[in-house]
């Protein structure tokens, strides 16, 4: 059983008991979250339901942790002008575990 879900503008293929990293969502650790934008649902390998644009299924998940990705360095420079800027960025993610696909 799997589903393709739209979470904050990105599409993820999810299965039950799977852990994935998604863009940061609000909520404490252990909080239940529900995603209702299910685009494709399959209960077995032979049957697939495709939404136009979404289905009435829901995906229930639990927030496990809030983490940050590795630091990315952004460096800008203009030659012969004395202009240099060095910035770092860490993307924030939420780790969730898929509990149930209804």
C-alpha atoms as a PDB file:
ATOM      1  CA  UNK A   1       0.000   0.000   0.000  1.00  0.00           C
ATOM      2  CA  UNK A   2       1.369   3.392  -0.960  1.00  0.00           C
ATOM      3  CA  UNK A   3       0.198   6.907  -1.690  1.00  0.00           C
ATOM      4  CA  UNK A   4       1.638   9.964  -3.375  1.00  0.00           C
ATOM      5  CA  UNK A   5       0.978  13.009  -1.199  1.00  0.00           C
ATOM      6  CA  UNK A   6       1.450  16.729  -1.785  1.00  0.00           C
ATOM      7  CA  UNK A   7       3.102  18.202   1.331  1.00  0.00           C
ATOM      8  CA  UNK A   8       3.888  21.926   1.231  1.00  0.00           C
ATOM      9  CA  UNK A   9       4.208  21.966  -2.558  1.00  0.00           C
ATOM     10  CA  UNK A  10       6.373  18.823  -2.893  1.00  0.00           C
ATOM     11  CA  UNK A  11       5.190  15.336  -3.774  1.00  0.00           C
ATOM     12  CA  UNK A  12       6.275  12.315  -1.704  1.00  0.00           C
ATOM     13  CA  UNK A  13       5.653   8.590  -2.165  1.00  0.00           C
ATOM     14  CA  UNK A  14       4.775   7.272   1.294  1.00  0.00           C
ATOM     15  CA  UNK A  15       4.079   3.875   2.812  1.00  0.00           C
ATOM     16  CA  UNK A  16       2.977   2.914   6.316  1.00  0.00           C
ATOM     17  CA  UNK A  17       5.731   2.811   9.009  1.00  0.00           C
ATOM     18  CA  UNK A  18       8.047   4.877   6.758  1.00  0.00           C
ATOM     19  CA  UNK A  19      10.053   7.852   8.062  1.00  0.00           C
ATOM     20  CA  UNK A  20      10.698  10.811   5.767  1.00  0.00           C
ATOM     21  CA  UNK A  21      12.047  14.340   5.979  1.00  0.00           C
ATOM     22  CA  UNK A  22       9.708  17.129   4.827  1.00  0.00           C
ATOM     23  CA  UNK A  23       9.971  20.943   4.917  1.00  0.00           C
ATOM     24  CA  UNK A  24       9.423  22.247   8.439  1.00  0.00           C
ATOM     25  CA  UNK A  25       5.856  22.052   9.744  1.00  0.00           C
ATOM     26  CA  UNK A  26       4.632  23.523  13.006  1.00  0.00           C
ATOM     27  CA  UNK A  27       4.071  21.219  15.941  1.00  0.00           C
ATOM     28  CA  UNK A  28       5.852  19.612  18.864  1.00  0.00           C
ATOM     29  CA  UNK A  29       7.545  16.207  18.907  1.00  0.00           C
ATOM     30  CA  UNK A  30       4.953  13.439  19.174  1.00  0.00           C
ATOM     31  CA  UNK A  31       2.168  15.550  17.661  1.00  0.00           C
ATOM     32  CA  UNK A  32      -0.098  13.885  15.096  1.00  0.00           C
ATOM     33  CA  UNK A  33      -0.408  15.612  11.711  1.00  0.00           C
ATOM     34  CA  UNK A  34      -2.744  14.821   8.840  1.00  0.00           C
ATOM     35  CA  UNK A  35      -2.227  15.378   5.113  1.00  0.00           C
ATOM     36  CA  UNK A  36      -5.309  15.329   2.885  1.00  0.00           C
ATOM     37  CA  UNK A  37      -3.863  16.143  -0.561  1.00  0.00           C
ATOM     38  CA  UNK A  38      -3.516  12.530  -1.746  1.00  0.00           C
ATOM     39  CA  UNK A  39      -2.850  12.492  -5.499  1.00  0.00           C
ATOM     40  CA  UNK A  40      -2.456   8.726  -6.097  1.00  0.00           C
ATOM     41  CA  UNK A  41      -3.448   5.792  -3.886  1.00  0.00           C
ATOM     42  CA  UNK A  42      -2.746   2.084  -4.333  1.00  0.00           C
ATOM     43  CA  UNK A  43      -3.955  -0.603  -1.942  1.00  0.00           C
ATOM     44  CA  UNK A  44      -2.063  -3.367  -3.777  1.00  0.00           C
ATOM     45  CA  UNK A  45       0.320  -3.680  -6.729  1.00  0.00           C
ATOM     46  CA  UNK A  46      -2.443  -4.070  -9.336  1.00  0.00           C
ATOM     47  CA  UNK A  47      -4.974  -1.326  -8.566  1.00  0.00           C
ATOM     48  CA  UNK A  48      -4.215   2.399  -8.615  1.00  0.00           C
ATOM     49  CA  UNK A  49      -6.587   5.302  -7.930  1.00  0.00           C
ATOM     50  CA  UNK A  50      -5.648   8.600  -9.548  1.00  0.00           C
ATOM     51  CA  UNK A  51      -7.194  11.818  -8.286  1.00  0.00           C
ATOM     52  CA  UNK A  52      -8.548  14.665 -10.388  1.00  0.00           C
ATOM     53  CA  UNK A  53      -6.794  16.533  -8.739  1.00  0.00           C
ATOM     54  CA  UNK A  54      -7.055  14.916  -5.258  1.00  0.00           C
ATOM     55  CA  UNK A  55      -8.647  11.871  -3.643  1.00  0.00           C
ATOM     56  CA  UNK A  56     -10.653  11.615  -0.416  1.00  0.00           C
ATOM     57  CA  UNK A  57      -7.963   9.557   1.319  1.00  0.00           C
ATOM     58  CA  UNK A  58      -5.877  10.940   4.193  1.00  0.00           C
ATOM     59  CA  UNK A  59      -2.386  10.238   5.483  1.00  0.00           C
ATOM     60  CA  UNK A  60      -1.809  10.364   9.250  1.00  0.00           C
ATOM     61  CA  UNK A  61       1.720  10.881  10.572  1.00  0.00           C
ATOM     62  CA  UNK A  62       3.607  11.610  13.809  1.00  0.00           C
ATOM     63  CA  UNK A  63       6.303  14.254  14.164  1.00  0.00           C
ATOM     64  CA  UNK A  64       9.524  12.618  15.331  1.00  0.00           C
ATOM     65  CA  UNK A  65      11.993  15.516  15.293  1.00  0.00           C
ATOM     66  CA  UNK A  66      12.883  18.937  13.872  1.00  0.00           C
ATOM     67  CA  UNK A  67      16.351  18.953  12.283  1.00  0.00           C
ATOM     68  CA  UNK A  68      18.584  21.140  10.109  1.00  0.00           C
ATOM     69  CA  UNK A  69      20.398  20.157   6.935  1.00  0.00           C
ATOM     70  CA  UNK A  70      24.128  20.663   6.408  1.00  0.00           C
ATOM     71  CA  UNK A  71      25.341  24.235   6.014  1.00  0.00           C
ATOM     72  CA  UNK A  72      25.539  25.601   2.474  1.00  0.00           C
ATOM     73  CA  UNK A  73      27.917  28.498   1.854  1.00  0.00           C
ATOM     74  CA  UNK A  74      26.667  31.300  -0.421  1.00  0.00           C
ATOM     75  CA  UNK A  75      29.552  33.448  -1.691  1.00  0.00           C
ATOM     76  CA  UNK A  76      29.163  36.519  -3.905  1.00  0.00           C
ATOM     77  CA  UNK A  77      32.024  38.517  -5.377  1.00  0.00           C
ATOM     78  CA  UNK A  78      32.533  41.262  -7.943  1.00  0.00           C
ATOM     79  CA  UNK A  79      36.069  41.447  -9.209  1.00  0.00           C
ATOM     80  CA  UNK A  80      38.121  44.610  -8.775  1.00  0.00           C
ATOM     81  CA  UNK A  81      35.363  46.308  -6.743  1.00  0.00           C
ATOM     82  CA  UNK A  82      36.154  45.092  -3.228  1.00  0.00           C
ATOM     83  CA  UNK A  83      32.721  43.472  -2.951  1.00  0.00           C
ATOM     84  CA  UNK A  84      32.601  40.089  -1.181  1.00  0.00           C
ATOM     85  CA  UNK A  85      29.741  38.570   0.787  1.00  0.00           C
ATOM     86  CA  UNK A  86      29.885  35.171   2.481  1.00  0.00           C
ATOM     87  CA  UNK A  87      26.685  33.757   3.997  1.00  0.00           C
ATOM     88  CA  UNK A  88      25.688  30.350   5.321  1.00  0.00           C
ATOM     89  CA  UNK A  89      22.298  28.668   5.192  1.00  0.00           C
ATOM     90  CA  UNK A  90      20.856  25.616   6.970  1.00  0.00           C
ATOM     91  CA  UNK A  91      17.506  24.339   5.657  1.00  0.00           C
ATOM     92  CA  UNK A  92      15.058  23.253   8.360  1.00  0.00           C
ATOM     93  CA  UNK A  93      13.284  19.902   8.050  1.00  0.00           C
ATOM     94  CA  UNK A  94      10.775  17.891  10.056  1.00  0.00           C
ATOM     95  CA  UNK A  95      11.172  14.136  10.377  1.00  0.00           C
ATOM     96  CA  UNK A  96       7.826  12.333  10.369  1.00  0.00           C
ATOM     97  CA  UNK A  97       6.688   8.722  10.547  1.00  0.00           C
ATOM     98  CA  UNK A  98       3.686   7.646   8.493  1.00  0.00           C
ATOM     99  CA  UNK A  99       1.188   5.913  10.787  1.00  0.00           C
ATOM    100  CA  UNK A 100      -1.823   5.187   8.613  1.00  0.00           C
ATOM    101  CA  UNK A 101      -3.125   5.745   5.091  1.00  0.00           C
ATOM    102  CA  UNK A 102      -6.945   5.862   4.996  1.00  0.00           C
END
